[in-house]
Amino acid sequence: MSSNAESAIQNNAVEANNSSTQATQSQPKQNQQTIQTPQTVKSEQLDGVYTVGDTVTYLYYADGSQVKNRALAPKSAWYTDTCNTKNDGSTYYRVSTLEFARGDGGTYQSYVQPFQGDATVVYRTGSSIHSFTGYGNRAVYQGTDLPTGSNWKVNNHAKIGGKEWYQIGNNVWIPQDNVVINNGQYQDADWVYGVPLISQRPELPNGCEITAVTMMLHYAGANVNKMQLAQEMPRNSDPNYGYIGQPWDATGITIFPSALMGLVEKYAGTAKNLTGQGLDAIKYQINLGHPVVTWNTLHGFPYHALVVTGYDKNYIYYNDCWTNQSTRMGINQFISNWNTQNRRAISY
């Protein structure tokens, strides 16, 4: 579903428990005639959007009788959960508790749409994520978990409340929160606009990783700063578990994505360790509107972190906290450089 359609739904959608639709245009008076109303022969449960066509669409009760002096405006979009088929072949979509719109007065699109790709769980090492029956506010956890690193073929997807859900089995669904989609369909070019540019210098001469994460978390809406996060990130002699040394002096070396998962999840609500993933994972995150922090080898440092903010067919675009610039690198060059760091990356 397009972003325009989703916006229209948010502006106009009527939840199923509303008592009635909003009257958007008065119905012209008609001569009263006694007519035989068609009877419902099939009622189908739906989950999607009814969009009115180019002209006003009148409303009807479940028995087929017309609602007086009420109609839906052209091009307006309405949530619907039921379609009744009458014995004359006509269809009626429920747009409120008691009111229906004729099928020939608009179009219906299900939230669930066909999708091809592979969902990879990219959560904490040795951990797992929940799977659900149903999606969105219909999702119910039934006790089945999927381990980090596991891969699942996606059959369908649905976007509910701005969040993607993926069907990986017979009514088994997982949200976007801790997965990436590989071998999927991505935009040819896409950017995340508005990621702040923050310099690591002079306060954090060896703090590129936490400065890059600060940029990402700022964009995610977190009210944090680089010095706060530099104090808060864990310390350890193994960079998989914490920062080696101190980022504000010559003892500082690096920290890896696995050690930053808790911090990112705390401030962004979700966290994804993309280490070992490929360009598909970066494209997927950018298409979601989420920047990605990658580990690279630049400026004479064995470890340097960048914030990837976009891509096209030729370049990767990123914020560099060492140069304090937004710049770009050829895709092949970026991948080769990223490979020197085992394609370490983190997002949310």
Foldseek 3Di string as FASTA:
>chain_A
DDPVVVVLCVVQADDAAAADHDFPFFDDDDDDDDDQFFAFDDKDFAWWKWFFAQQWWFKAFNSRHTDHTGIDGHGHMYTFTMWTATPVGWIWTDRYNTITTTPVRTDIDGQKDFWWWKKAFFAAPPAWAFKFQADDPVTDTPPDTGHHGDIATFGIWGQDPLWIWTDRDDSIIDTPQGIATHPTDFDQKFFQPDQDQAACPDQFQQQQPLQLLVSQLVSLPFPDHSVRVQVVQAEDPDLLQTWQAHRRDPRGAHHAQSSCQVVCCVRNVGKGWCQLPDPRRQRRCRRSSGWKKAWFCDPPHLTHIWIFGIDHNFWTWTHGNHVSDTDIDGPVVVRVGRVSVSGTMMID
